[in-house]
Amino acid sequence: MSVRVNLLPREVEERNVARRQRGLLAVVGLVVVVLLGLLYWMQIGRVNDKRDELAQAEQSRDQLQAEVQALQAFADLETELAAKNELIASAMALEISVAGLLQDAAAVTPSDMAFLTLSATLQPAEEEGTSFGQVTASAETLLGHAPGVERVLLSFDKVAAFREVFFSSSSLDEVDITTFTFDFFLGPEALTGRYLAGLPEELR
């Protein structure tokens, strides 16, 4: 039977334990410092990456701003052109073709009638259903008041654009030629409608 006897004084043993603990703490502290250093350098790398990304984004933004400024003049011109087109289309939305009116009148003029004068006063309608102008005509016919003048009034009343055709005056000369005047108003059918969808492409 053997017995182990510690011959070292108790104080020496305590100092050894404390020294080992300090060494362990030093190793742990060194490991912590190394880990913190690694984390720091990793964060520095991430920050630098973010700075590079930010610099690239700012460079792209500056390039885009330069392109936008370069194109702004064209955008301003396009806006100005659109405004002018809208103004022209609005001003010409109530266009009435005089040639169209004459063509409609010629289409229903009886063969025994001849125009002497034809005048038109055009105006925009202030309310829906009102006229866009008035036409006054003087003419002569070989068939007297009936059927001559009567047939003229009935023929012009058939034209959709002509509204409220009415007889004004008449006279009969020595050779039985009846000279008369009549009037009618212009309805919305007299409008050309060319600018309802805006200015035509060929006029832009």
N, C-alpha and C. Protein backbone atom coordinates (compact mmCIF):
# COMPACT_ATOMS: atom_id res chain seq x y z
N MET A 1 0.83 -1.17 0.00
CA MET A 1 0.00 0.00 0.00
C MET A 1 0.89 1.25 0.00
N SER A 2 0.56 2.22 -1.04
CA SER A 2 1.40 3.43 -1.13
C SER A 2 0.54 4.64 -0.82
N VAL A 3 1.20 5.61 -0.28
CA VAL A 3 0.51 6.85 0.11
C VAL A 3 1.21 8.02 -0.55
N ARG A 4 0.40 8.92 -1.27
CA ARG A 4 0.97 10.11 -1.92
C ARG A 4 0.87 11.28 -0.95
N VAL A 5 2.04 11.85 -0.74
CA VAL A 5 2.09 12.98 0.19
C VAL A 5 2.56 14.19 -0.56
N ASN A 6 1.80 15.33 -0.53
CA ASN A 6 2.17 16.60 -1.18
C ASN A 6 3.10 17.32 -0.24
N LEU A 7 4.37 17.42 -0.69
CA LEU A 7 5.39 18.04 0.16
C LEU A 7 5.48 19.54 -0.07
N LEU A 8 4.76 20.06 -1.16
CA LEU A 8 4.83 21.50 -1.42
C LEU A 8 3.95 22.26 -0.44
N PRO A 9 4.41 23.38 -0.06
CA PRO A 9 3.55 24.19 0.84
C PRO A 9 2.27 24.58 0.12
N ARG A 10 1.23 24.82 0.85
CA ARG A 10 -0.07 25.17 0.28
C ARG A 10 -0.01 26.47 -0.52
N GLU A 11 0.80 27.43 -0.09
CA GLU A 11 0.90 28.71 -0.79
C GLU A 11 1.47 28.53 -2.19
N VAL A 12 2.43 27.62 -2.33
CA VAL A 12 3.03 27.38 -3.64
C VAL A 12 2.01 26.78 -4.59
N GLU A 13 1.23 25.87 -4.09
CA GLU A 13 0.20 25.26 -4.94
C GLU A 13 -0.83 26.29 -5.41
N GLU A 14 -1.20 27.19 -4.50
CA GLU A 14 -2.16 28.22 -4.88
C GLU A 14 -1.59 29.15 -5.93
N ARG A 15 -0.28 29.46 -5.81
CA ARG A 15 0.35 30.32 -6.81
C ARG A 15 0.38 29.63 -8.17
N ASN A 16 0.65 28.34 -8.18
CA ASN A 16 0.66 27.61 -9.45
C ASN A 16 -0.73 27.63 -10.11
N VAL A 17 -1.75 27.41 -9.29
CA VAL A 17 -3.12 27.44 -9.83
C VAL A 17 -3.43 28.81 -10.40
N ALA A 18 -3.05 29.85 -9.66
CA ALA A 18 -3.32 31.22 -10.15
C ALA A 18 -2.56 31.49 -11.43
N ARG A 19 -1.31 30.99 -11.51
CA ARG A 19 -0.52 31.21 -12.73
C ARG A 19 -1.16 30.52 -13.92
N ARG A 20 -1.64 29.29 -13.70
CA ARG A 20 -2.30 28.58 -14.79
C ARG A 20 -3.58 29.31 -15.22
N GLN A 21 -4.32 29.85 -14.27
CA GLN A 21 -5.53 30.59 -14.60
C GLN A 21 -5.21 31.86 -15.39
N ARG A 22 -4.15 32.56 -14.96
CA ARG A 22 -3.76 33.76 -15.70
C ARG A 22 -3.34 33.42 -17.13
N GLY A 23 -2.62 32.32 -17.28
CA GLY A 23 -2.21 31.89 -18.62
C GLY A 23 -3.42 31.57 -19.50
N LEU A 24 -4.39 30.87 -18.88
CA LEU A 24 -5.61 30.54 -19.62
C LEU A 24 -6.37 31.80 -20.03
N LEU A 25 -6.45 32.75 -19.09
CA LEU A 25 -7.12 34.01 -19.40
C LEU A 25 -6.40 34.77 -20.50
N ALA A 26 -5.07 34.72 -20.45
CA ALA A 26 -4.30 35.40 -21.49
C ALA A 26 -4.57 34.78 -22.85
N VAL A 27 -4.63 33.44 -22.89
CA VAL A 27 -4.91 32.75 -24.16
C VAL A 27 -6.31 33.11 -24.65
N VAL A 28 -7.28 33.06 -23.72
CA VAL A 28 -8.66 33.42 -24.11
C VAL A 28 -8.73 34.86 -24.59
N GLY A 29 -8.03 35.76 -23.87
CA GLY A 29 -8.02 37.16 -24.29
C GLY A 29 -7.39 37.34 -25.66
N LEU A 30 -6.33 36.61 -25.93
CA LEU A 30 -5.68 36.70 -27.24
C LEU A 30 -6.61 36.19 -28.34
N VAL A 31 -7.31 35.10 -28.05
CA VAL A 31 -8.26 34.57 -29.04
C VAL A 31 -9.37 35.58 -29.31
N VAL A 32 -9.85 36.20 -28.23
CA VAL A 32 -10.90 37.21 -28.39
C VAL A 32 -10.40 38.37 -29.23
N VAL A 33 -9.17 38.83 -28.95
CA VAL A 33 -8.60 39.94 -29.72
C VAL A 33 -8.47 39.57 -31.19
N VAL A 34 -8.00 38.34 -31.45
CA VAL A 34 -7.85 37.89 -32.84
C VAL A 34 -9.21 37.86 -33.53
N LEU A 35 -10.23 37.31 -32.83
CA LEU A 35 -11.57 37.25 -33.42
C LEU A 35 -12.11 38.66 -33.69
N LEU A 36 -11.90 39.56 -32.72
CA LEU A 36 -12.36 40.94 -32.92
C LEU A 36 -11.63 41.59 -34.09
N GLY A 37 -10.36 41.29 -34.22
CA GLY A 37 -9.60 41.82 -35.36
C GLY A 37 -10.14 41.31 -36.68
N LEU A 38 -10.43 39.99 -36.72
CA LEU A 38 -11.00 39.42 -37.95
C LEU A 38 -12.35 40.05 -38.28
N LEU A 39 -13.20 40.18 -37.24
CA LEU A 39 -14.51 40.82 -37.46
C LEU A 39 -14.35 42.26 -37.94
N TYR A 40 -13.39 42.97 -37.36
CA TYR A 40 -13.16 44.36 -37.76
C TYR A 40 -12.76 44.45 -39.23
N TRP A 41 -11.80 43.59 -39.62
CA TRP A 41 -11.37 43.62 -41.02
C TRP A 41 -12.47 43.18 -41.97
N MET A 42 -13.30 42.24 -41.51
CA MET A 42 -14.43 41.85 -42.34
C MET A 42 -15.40 43.01 -42.53
N GLN A 43 -15.68 43.73 -41.43
CA GLN A 43 -16.57 44.87 -41.52
C GLN A 43 -15.96 45.98 -42.37
N ILE A 44 -14.64 46.18 -42.24
CA ILE A 44 -13.97 47.18 -43.08
C ILE A 44 -14.14 46.81 -44.55
N GLY A 45 -13.99 45.53 -44.87
CA GLY A 45 -14.17 45.08 -46.25
C GLY A 45 -15.60 45.31 -46.74
N ARG A 46 -16.56 45.02 -45.88
CA ARG A 46 -17.95 45.24 -46.26
C ARG A 46 -18.23 46.73 -46.48
N VAL A 47 -17.69 47.56 -45.58
CA VAL A 47 -17.89 49.01 -45.73
C VAL A 47 -17.27 49.49 -47.03
N ASN A 48 -16.09 49.01 -47.35
CA ASN A 48 -15.44 49.42 -48.60
C ASN A 48 -16.25 48.96 -49.81
N ASP A 49 -16.80 47.75 -49.72
CA ASP A 49 -17.65 47.26 -50.82
C ASP A 49 -18.86 48.16 -50.99
N LYS A 50 -19.49 48.52 -49.86
CA LYS A 50 -20.65 49.40 -49.93
C LYS A 50 -20.27 50.77 -50.48
N ARG A 51 -19.10 51.24 -50.11
CA ARG A 51 -18.64 52.53 -50.64
C ARG A 51 -18.44 52.46 -52.15
N ASP A 52 -17.88 51.33 -52.60
CA ASP A 52 -17.69 51.15 -54.05
C ASP A 52 -19.05 51.11 -54.76
N GLU A 53 -20.00 50.37 -54.16
CA GLU A 53 -21.34 50.31 -54.76
C GLU A 53 -21.99 51.69 -54.79
N LEU A 54 -21.82 52.44 -53.69
CA LEU A 54 -22.38 53.78 -53.64
C LEU A 54 -21.74 54.68 -54.68
N ALA A 55 -20.43 54.57 -54.84
CA ALA A 55 -19.74 55.38 -55.84
C ALA A 55 -20.24 55.04 -57.25
N GLN A 56 -20.42 53.74 -57.53
CA GLN A 56 -20.94 53.33 -58.83
C GLN A 56 -22.36 53.84 -59.05
N ALA A 57 -23.19 53.74 -57.97
CA ALA A 57 -24.56 54.23 -58.08
C ALA A 57 -24.59 55.73 -58.33
N GLU A 58 -23.74 56.47 -57.64
CA GLU A 58 -23.68 57.92 -57.85
C GLU A 58 -23.20 58.25 -59.25
N GLN A 59 -22.24 57.48 -59.74
CA GLN A 59 -21.77 57.70 -61.11
C GLN A 59 -22.88 57.44 -62.12
N SER A 60 -23.63 56.34 -61.91
CA SER A 60 -24.76 56.04 -62.81
C SER A 60 -25.82 57.13 -62.72
N ARG A 61 -26.07 57.61 -61.47
CA ARG A 61 -27.05 58.69 -61.30
C ARG A 61 -26.61 59.95 -62.04
N ASP A 62 -25.33 60.29 -61.93
CA ASP A 62 -24.82 61.48 -62.61
C ASP A 62 -24.95 61.33 -64.13
N GLN A 63 -24.66 60.13 -64.63
CA GLN A 63 -24.79 59.92 -66.07
C GLN A 63 -26.24 60.05 -66.52
N LEU A 64 -27.17 59.46 -65.72
CA LEU A 64 -28.59 59.55 -66.06
C LEU A 64 -29.07 60.99 -66.01
N GLN A 65 -28.62 61.74 -64.99
CA GLN A 65 -29.01 63.14 -64.89
C GLN A 65 -28.50 63.94 -66.08
N ALA A 66 -27.30 63.64 -66.51
CA ALA A 66 -26.75 64.33 -67.68
C ALA A 66 -27.56 64.00 -68.93
N GLU A 67 -27.96 62.71 -69.07
CA GLU A 67 -28.78 62.33 -70.22
C GLU A 67 -30.15 63.00 -70.17
N VAL A 68 -30.73 63.05 -68.95
CA VAL A 68 -32.04 63.69 -68.81
C VAL A 68 -31.95 65.17 -69.16
N GLN A 69 -30.91 65.84 -68.69
CA GLN A 69 -30.74 67.25 -69.02
C GLN A 69 -30.54 67.45 -70.51
N ALA A 70 -29.82 66.52 -71.14
CA ALA A 70 -29.60 66.64 -72.58
C ALA A 70 -30.90 66.45 -73.35
N LEU A 71 -31.80 65.58 -72.82
CA LEU A 71 -33.07 65.32 -73.50
C LEU A 71 -34.18 66.27 -73.08
N GLN A 72 -33.93 67.09 -72.05
CA GLN A 72 -34.98 67.97 -71.55
C GLN A 72 -35.42 68.97 -72.61
N ALA A 73 -34.47 69.44 -73.42
CA ALA A 73 -34.82 70.39 -74.48
C ALA A 73 -35.82 69.77 -75.45
N PHE A 74 -35.60 68.49 -75.79
CA PHE A 74 -36.53 67.81 -76.70
C PHE A 74 -37.89 67.60 -76.03
N ALA A 75 -37.88 67.30 -74.73
CA ALA A 75 -39.15 67.14 -74.01
C ALA A 75 -39.92 68.45 -73.97
N ASP A 76 -39.19 69.56 -73.77
CA ASP A 76 -39.84 70.87 -73.76
C ASP A 76 -40.45 71.18 -75.12
N LEU A 77 -39.71 70.85 -76.18
CA LEU A 77 -40.23 71.08 -77.53
C LEU A 77 -41.47 70.23 -77.79
N GLU A 78 -41.44 68.98 -77.34
CA GLU A 78 -42.59 68.10 -77.53
C GLU A 78 -43.81 68.63 -76.78
N THR A 79 -43.59 69.11 -75.55
CA THR A 79 -44.69 69.68 -74.77
C THR A 79 -45.26 70.92 -75.45
N GLU A 80 -44.36 71.77 -75.94
CA GLU A 80 -44.80 72.98 -76.63
C GLU A 80 -45.56 72.64 -77.90
N LEU A 81 -45.06 71.65 -78.65
CA LEU A 81 -45.74 71.23 -79.88
C LEU A 81 -47.11 70.67 -79.57
N ALA A 82 -47.21 69.84 -78.52
CA ALA A 82 -48.51 69.26 -78.15
C ALA A 82 -49.50 70.36 -77.78
N ALA A 83 -49.02 71.38 -77.04
CA ALA A 83 -49.91 72.48 -76.65
C ALA A 83 -50.39 73.25 -77.88
N LYS A 84 -49.49 73.49 -78.83
CA LYS A 84 -49.88 74.22 -80.04
C LYS A 84 -50.84 73.39 -80.89
N ASN A 85 -50.57 72.08 -80.98
CA ASN A 85 -51.49 71.21 -81.74
C ASN A 85 -52.88 71.20 -81.11
N GLU A 86 -52.91 71.17 -79.77
CA GLU A 86 -54.20 71.18 -79.07
C GLU A 86 -54.93 72.49 -79.32
N LEU A 87 -54.19 73.61 -79.32
CA LEU A 87 -54.80 74.91 -79.56
C LEU A 87 -55.36 75.00 -80.98
N ILE A 88 -54.57 74.53 -81.95
CA ILE A 88 -55.03 74.57 -83.34
C ILE A 88 -56.24 73.67 -83.53
N ALA A 89 -56.18 72.46 -82.96
CA ALA A 89 -57.31 71.53 -83.09
C ALA A 89 -58.57 72.11 -82.46
N SER A 90 -58.42 72.79 -81.30
CA SER A 90 -59.57 73.39 -80.64
C SER A 90 -60.14 74.54 -81.47
N ALA A 91 -59.23 75.33 -82.07
CA ALA A 91 -59.69 76.47 -82.87
C ALA A 91 -60.39 76.03 -84.15
N MET A 92 -59.99 74.87 -84.68
CA MET A 92 -60.54 74.42 -85.95
C MET A 92 -61.56 73.30 -85.80
N ALA A 93 -61.95 73.01 -84.55
CA ALA A 93 -62.91 71.94 -84.32
C ALA A 93 -64.28 72.26 -84.94
N LEU A 94 -64.59 73.55 -85.09
CA LEU A 94 -65.88 73.95 -85.65
C LEU A 94 -65.75 74.34 -87.12
N GLU A 95 -64.83 73.71 -87.83
CA GLU A 95 -64.62 74.04 -89.23
C GLU A 95 -65.82 73.65 -90.09
N ILE A 96 -66.22 74.56 -90.95
CA ILE A 96 -67.28 74.31 -91.92
C ILE A 96 -66.69 74.50 -93.31
N SER A 97 -66.87 73.54 -94.18
CA SER A 97 -66.33 73.60 -95.53
C SER A 97 -67.30 74.36 -96.44
N VAL A 98 -66.86 75.51 -96.94
CA VAL A 98 -67.69 76.27 -97.87
C VAL A 98 -67.90 75.47 -99.16
N ALA A 99 -66.84 74.79 -99.59
CA ALA A 99 -66.97 73.96 -100.79
C ALA A 99 -68.01 72.86 -100.57
N GLY A 100 -68.04 72.31 -99.36
CA GLY A 100 -69.03 71.28 -99.05
C GLY A 100 -70.44 71.83 -99.08
N LEU A 101 -70.61 73.06 -98.55
CA LEU A 101 -71.94 73.69 -98.59
C LEU A 101 -72.39 73.92 -100.02
N LEU A 102 -71.48 74.42 -100.85
CA LEU A 102 -71.83 74.66 -102.26
C LEU A 102 -72.16 73.36 -102.97
N GLN A 103 -71.42 72.30 -102.63
CA GLN A 103 -71.69 71.01 -103.26
C GLN A 103 -73.06 70.48 -102.85
N ASP A 104 -73.41 70.63 -101.55
CA ASP A 104 -74.73 70.20 -101.10
C ASP A 104 -75.83 71.01 -101.77
N ALA A 105 -75.60 72.32 -101.90
CA ALA A 105 -76.60 73.17 -102.53
C ALA A 105 -76.78 72.82 -104.00
N ALA A 106 -75.66 72.57 -104.69
CA ALA A 106 -75.72 72.23 -106.10
C ALA A 106 -76.44 70.91 -106.33
N ALA A 107 -76.30 69.99 -105.37
CA ALA A 107 -76.88 68.66 -105.53
C ALA A 107 -78.41 68.70 -105.51
N VAL A 108 -79.00 69.72 -104.85
CA VAL A 108 -80.47 69.76 -104.75
C VAL A 108 -81.07 70.93 -105.53
N THR A 109 -80.24 71.64 -106.27
CA THR A 109 -80.75 72.78 -107.05
C THR A 109 -81.49 72.26 -108.29
N PRO A 110 -82.77 72.62 -108.45
CA PRO A 110 -83.51 72.18 -109.64
C PRO A 110 -82.90 72.77 -110.92
N SER A 111 -83.14 72.11 -112.04
CA SER A 111 -82.55 72.55 -113.31
C SER A 111 -83.14 73.86 -113.81
N ASP A 112 -84.34 74.22 -113.33
CA ASP A 112 -84.97 75.46 -113.79
C ASP A 112 -84.60 76.66 -112.92
N MET A 113 -83.69 76.46 -111.96
CA MET A 113 -83.32 77.52 -111.03
C MET A 113 -81.87 77.92 -111.23
N ALA A 114 -81.55 79.19 -111.02
CA ALA A 114 -80.18 79.69 -111.11
C ALA A 114 -79.93 80.63 -109.94
N PHE A 115 -78.79 80.44 -109.26
CA PHE A 115 -78.44 81.34 -108.16
C PHE A 115 -77.99 82.69 -108.70
N LEU A 116 -78.36 83.74 -107.99
CA LEU A 116 -77.87 85.09 -108.29
C LEU A 116 -76.83 85.51 -107.26
N THR A 117 -77.14 85.31 -106.00
CA THR A 117 -76.19 85.60 -104.92
C THR A 117 -76.30 84.51 -103.86
N LEU A 118 -75.21 84.36 -103.12
CA LEU A 118 -75.20 83.38 -102.02
C LEU A 118 -74.23 83.90 -100.97
N SER A 119 -74.71 84.14 -99.79
CA SER A 119 -73.86 84.64 -98.70
C SER A 119 -74.11 83.82 -97.45
N ALA A 120 -73.03 83.63 -96.69
CA ALA A 120 -73.13 82.82 -95.47
C ALA A 120 -72.49 83.56 -94.31
N THR A 121 -73.14 83.51 -93.19
CA THR A 121 -72.59 84.05 -91.94
C THR A 121 -72.39 82.87 -90.99
N LEU A 122 -71.11 82.57 -90.70
CA LEU A 122 -70.79 81.42 -89.87
C LEU A 122 -70.49 81.88 -88.45
N GLN A 123 -70.91 81.09 -87.50
CA GLN A 123 -70.65 81.41 -86.10
C GLN A 123 -70.70 80.13 -85.28
N PRO A 124 -69.88 80.04 -84.23
CA PRO A 124 -69.94 78.85 -83.37
C PRO A 124 -71.24 78.81 -82.59
N ALA A 125 -71.78 77.63 -82.45
CA ALA A 125 -73.02 77.47 -81.70
C ALA A 125 -72.76 77.66 -80.22
N GLU A 126 -73.59 78.47 -79.57
CA GLU A 126 -73.41 78.72 -78.15
C GLU A 126 -74.03 77.63 -77.30
N GLU A 127 -75.05 76.98 -77.80
CA GLU A 127 -75.71 75.91 -77.08
C GLU A 127 -75.94 74.73 -78.01
N GLU A 128 -76.06 73.55 -77.42
CA GLU A 128 -76.31 72.36 -78.22
C GLU A 128 -77.66 72.48 -78.92
N GLY A 129 -77.68 72.19 -80.20
CA GLY A 129 -78.91 72.27 -80.97
C GLY A 129 -79.10 73.57 -81.71
N THR A 130 -78.30 74.59 -81.39
CA THR A 130 -78.41 75.85 -82.11
C THR A 130 -77.61 75.78 -83.40
N SER A 131 -77.79 76.78 -84.26
CA SER A 131 -77.17 76.73 -85.58
C SER A 131 -75.72 77.20 -85.53
N PHE A 132 -74.99 76.82 -86.57
CA PHE A 132 -73.60 77.22 -86.71
C PHE A 132 -73.45 78.33 -87.76
N GLY A 133 -74.55 78.87 -88.19
CA GLY A 133 -74.49 79.95 -89.16
C GLY A 133 -75.78 80.03 -89.96
N GLN A 134 -75.86 81.06 -90.80
CA GLN A 134 -77.06 81.26 -91.62
C GLN A 134 -76.63 81.58 -93.05
N VAL A 135 -77.36 81.04 -94.01
CA VAL A 135 -77.10 81.25 -95.43
C VAL A 135 -78.29 81.99 -96.04
N THR A 136 -77.99 83.05 -96.78
CA THR A 136 -79.02 83.81 -97.50
C THR A 136 -78.71 83.72 -98.99
N ALA A 137 -79.71 83.36 -99.78
CA ALA A 137 -79.51 83.17 -101.22
C ALA A 137 -80.60 83.90 -101.99
N SER A 138 -80.23 84.41 -103.13
CA SER A 138 -81.21 84.95 -104.09
C SER A 138 -81.06 84.16 -105.38
N ALA A 139 -82.20 83.89 -106.02
CA ALA A 139 -82.17 83.04 -107.21
C ALA A 139 -83.36 83.41 -108.11
N GLU A 140 -83.39 82.78 -109.24
CA GLU A 140 -84.51 82.98 -110.14
C GLU A 140 -84.93 81.63 -110.72
N THR A 141 -86.21 81.54 -111.03
CA THR A 141 -86.75 80.30 -111.58
C THR A 141 -87.74 80.64 -112.69
N LEU A 142 -87.90 79.70 -113.60
CA LEU A 142 -88.81 79.89 -114.74
C LEU A 142 -90.21 79.37 -114.44
N LEU A 143 -90.38 78.76 -113.28
CA LEU A 143 -91.65 78.08 -113.00
C LEU A 143 -92.50 78.80 -111.96
N GLY A 144 -92.21 80.05 -111.69
CA GLY A 144 -93.02 80.83 -110.78
C GLY A 144 -92.93 80.36 -109.35
N HIS A 145 -93.92 80.81 -108.55
CA HIS A 145 -93.92 80.42 -107.14
C HIS A 145 -94.22 78.94 -106.96
N ALA A 146 -95.12 78.46 -107.80
CA ALA A 146 -95.44 77.04 -107.73
C ALA A 146 -95.49 76.51 -109.18
N PRO A 147 -94.71 75.50 -109.45
CA PRO A 147 -93.93 74.70 -108.48
C PRO A 147 -92.49 75.18 -108.27
N GLY A 148 -92.07 76.29 -108.95
CA GLY A 148 -90.66 76.69 -108.93
C GLY A 148 -90.10 76.95 -107.54
N VAL A 149 -90.55 78.04 -106.87
CA VAL A 149 -90.01 78.40 -105.55
C VAL A 149 -90.33 77.31 -104.53
N GLU A 150 -91.53 76.78 -104.61
CA GLU A 150 -91.93 75.74 -103.66
C GLU A 150 -91.00 74.53 -103.75
N ARG A 151 -90.64 74.11 -104.95
CA ARG A 151 -89.77 72.93 -105.12
C ARG A 151 -88.36 73.22 -104.60
N VAL A 152 -87.90 74.47 -104.78
CA VAL A 152 -86.58 74.83 -104.25
C VAL A 152 -86.55 74.68 -102.74
N LEU A 153 -87.55 75.21 -102.07
CA LEU A 153 -87.60 75.13 -100.62
C LEU A 153 -87.67 73.68 -100.14
N LEU A 154 -88.49 72.88 -100.79
CA LEU A 154 -88.59 71.47 -100.40
C LEU A 154 -87.29 70.71 -100.65
N SER A 155 -86.61 71.04 -101.76
CA SER A 155 -85.36 70.35 -102.09
C SER A 155 -84.26 70.69 -101.08
N PHE A 156 -84.13 71.96 -100.71
CA PHE A 156 -83.09 72.35 -99.76
C PHE A 156 -83.40 71.84 -98.36
N ASP A 157 -84.67 71.67 -98.05
CA ASP A 157 -85.04 71.19 -96.73
C ASP A 157 -84.67 69.72 -96.54
N LYS A 158 -84.38 69.00 -97.61
CA LYS A 158 -83.99 67.59 -97.52
C LYS A 158 -82.52 67.41 -97.13
N VAL A 159 -81.72 68.48 -97.25
CA VAL A 159 -80.30 68.38 -96.90
C VAL A 159 -80.18 68.42 -95.37
N ALA A 160 -79.49 67.43 -94.80
CA ALA A 160 -79.41 67.30 -93.34
C ALA A 160 -78.77 68.52 -92.69
N ALA A 161 -77.78 69.12 -93.37
CA ALA A 161 -77.06 70.25 -92.79
C ALA A 161 -77.85 71.54 -92.86
N PHE A 162 -78.91 71.58 -93.68
CA PHE A 162 -79.70 72.80 -93.84
C PHE A 162 -80.94 72.73 -92.94
N ARG A 163 -81.09 73.68 -92.07
CA ARG A 163 -82.19 73.69 -91.12
C ARG A 163 -83.10 74.91 -91.36
N GLU A 164 -84.39 74.72 -91.15
CA GLU A 164 -85.37 75.81 -91.16
C GLU A 164 -85.28 76.65 -92.45
N VAL A 165 -85.42 75.99 -93.56
CA VAL A 165 -85.40 76.69 -94.85
C VAL A 165 -86.69 77.52 -94.97
N PHE A 166 -86.56 78.82 -95.21
CA PHE A 166 -87.76 79.65 -95.29
C PHE A 166 -87.62 80.69 -96.41
N PHE A 167 -88.77 81.04 -96.95
CA PHE A 167 -88.89 81.98 -98.06
C PHE A 167 -88.90 83.42 -97.52
N SER A 168 -88.16 84.32 -98.20
CA SER A 168 -88.08 85.71 -97.73
C SER A 168 -88.90 86.67 -98.58
N SER A 169 -88.62 86.66 -99.88
CA SER A 169 -89.33 87.59 -100.77
C SER A 169 -89.24 87.09 -102.20
N SER A 170 -90.09 87.65 -103.08
CA SER A 170 -90.04 87.27 -104.49
C SER A 170 -90.65 88.39 -105.34
N SER A 171 -90.30 88.35 -106.63
CA SER A 171 -90.87 89.31 -107.58
C SER A 171 -90.92 88.64 -108.95
N LEU A 172 -91.85 89.07 -109.76
CA LEU A 172 -92.05 88.49 -111.09
C LEU A 172 -91.84 89.58 -112.13
N ASP A 173 -90.96 89.32 -113.11
CA ASP A 173 -90.70 90.36 -114.12
C ASP A 173 -91.62 90.18 -115.32
N GLU A 174 -91.38 90.96 -116.37
CA GLU A 174 -92.27 90.98 -117.52
C GLU A 174 -92.21 89.73 -118.36
N VAL A 175 -91.15 88.93 -118.21
CA VAL A 175 -91.04 87.70 -119.01
C VAL A 175 -91.30 86.47 -118.14
N ASP A 176 -92.01 86.69 -117.07
CA ASP A 176 -92.42 85.60 -116.15
C ASP A 176 -91.24 84.87 -115.49
N ILE A 177 -90.16 85.57 -115.23
CA ILE A 177 -89.05 85.00 -114.46
C ILE A 177 -89.22 85.45 -113.00
N THR A 178 -89.31 84.50 -112.12
CA THR A 178 -89.50 84.81 -110.70
C THR A 178 -88.15 84.92 -110.00
N THR A 179 -87.91 86.07 -109.42
CA THR A 179 -86.69 86.29 -108.62
C THR A 179 -87.09 86.21 -107.14
N PHE A 180 -86.40 85.43 -106.37
CA PHE A 180 -86.79 85.24 -104.97
C PHE A 180 -85.56 85.11 -104.08
N THR A 181 -85.75 85.28 -102.81
CA THR A 181 -84.69 85.07 -101.81
C THR A 181 -85.19 84.08 -100.77
N PHE A 182 -84.26 83.30 -100.23
CA PHE A 182 -84.60 82.36 -99.17
C PHE A 182 -83.40 82.19 -98.24
N ASP A 183 -83.66 81.73 -97.04
CA ASP A 183 -82.63 81.58 -96.01
C ASP A 183 -82.73 80.19 -95.39
N PHE A 184 -81.62 79.76 -94.83
CA PHE A 184 -81.62 78.53 -94.02
C PHE A 184 -80.45 78.59 -93.05
N PHE A 185 -80.58 77.83 -91.99
CA PHE A 185 -79.53 77.76 -90.96
C PHE A 185 -78.70 76.50 -91.15
N LEU A 186 -77.50 76.54 -90.60
CA LEU A 186 -76.57 75.40 -90.71
C LEU A 186 -76.55 74.62 -89.40
N GLY A 187 -76.85 73.33 -89.50
CA GLY A 187 -76.82 72.45 -88.34
C GLY A 187 -75.44 71.84 -88.14
N PRO A 188 -75.26 71.03 -87.11
CA PRO A 188 -73.96 70.41 -86.83
C PRO A 188 -73.48 69.50 -87.95
N GLU A 189 -74.39 69.04 -88.83
CA GLU A 189 -73.97 68.20 -89.95
C GLU A 189 -73.08 68.96 -90.92
N ALA A 190 -73.10 70.30 -90.84
CA ALA A 190 -72.26 71.10 -91.73
C ALA A 190 -70.80 71.09 -91.32
N LEU A 191 -70.51 70.67 -90.09
CA LEU A 191 -69.12 70.62 -89.61
C LEU A 191 -68.37 69.50 -90.33
N THR A 192 -67.12 69.77 -90.65
CA THR A 192 -66.32 68.75 -91.35
C THR A 192 -65.92 67.61 -90.41
N GLY A 193 -65.71 67.93 -89.13
CA GLY A 193 -65.31 66.90 -88.18
C GLY A 193 -63.89 66.41 -88.37
N ARG A 194 -63.09 67.15 -89.14
CA ARG A 194 -61.73 66.69 -89.42
C ARG A 194 -60.82 66.75 -88.20
N TYR A 195 -61.20 67.55 -87.21
CA TYR A 195 -60.29 67.77 -86.09
C TYR A 195 -60.85 67.23 -84.77
N LEU A 196 -61.84 66.35 -84.86
CA LEU A 196 -62.39 65.77 -83.64
C LEU A 196 -61.35 64.94 -82.90
N ALA A 197 -60.48 64.27 -83.63
CA ALA A 197 -59.44 63.43 -83.02
C ALA A 197 -58.11 64.16 -82.93
N GLY A 198 -58.14 65.50 -83.02
CA GLY A 198 -56.90 66.26 -82.98
C GLY A 198 -56.43 66.65 -84.36
N LEU A 199 -55.30 67.29 -84.40
CA LEU A 199 -54.75 67.77 -85.65
C LEU A 199 -54.32 66.61 -86.53
N PRO A 200 -54.71 66.59 -87.81
CA PRO A 200 -54.28 65.51 -88.71
C PRO A 200 -52.76 65.40 -88.78
N GLU A 201 -52.28 64.19 -89.00
CA GLU A 201 -50.84 63.93 -88.99
C GLU A 201 -50.10 64.76 -90.03
N GLU A 202 -50.73 64.95 -91.20
CA GLU A 202 -50.04 65.67 -92.27
C GLU A 202 -49.89 67.16 -91.97
N LEU A 203 -50.62 67.67 -90.95
CA LEU A 203 -50.54 69.09 -90.61
C LEU A 203 -49.70 69.34 -89.37
N ARG A 204 -49.14 68.31 -88.79
CA ARG A 204 -48.37 68.48 -87.56
C ARG A 204 -46.93 68.85 -87.89
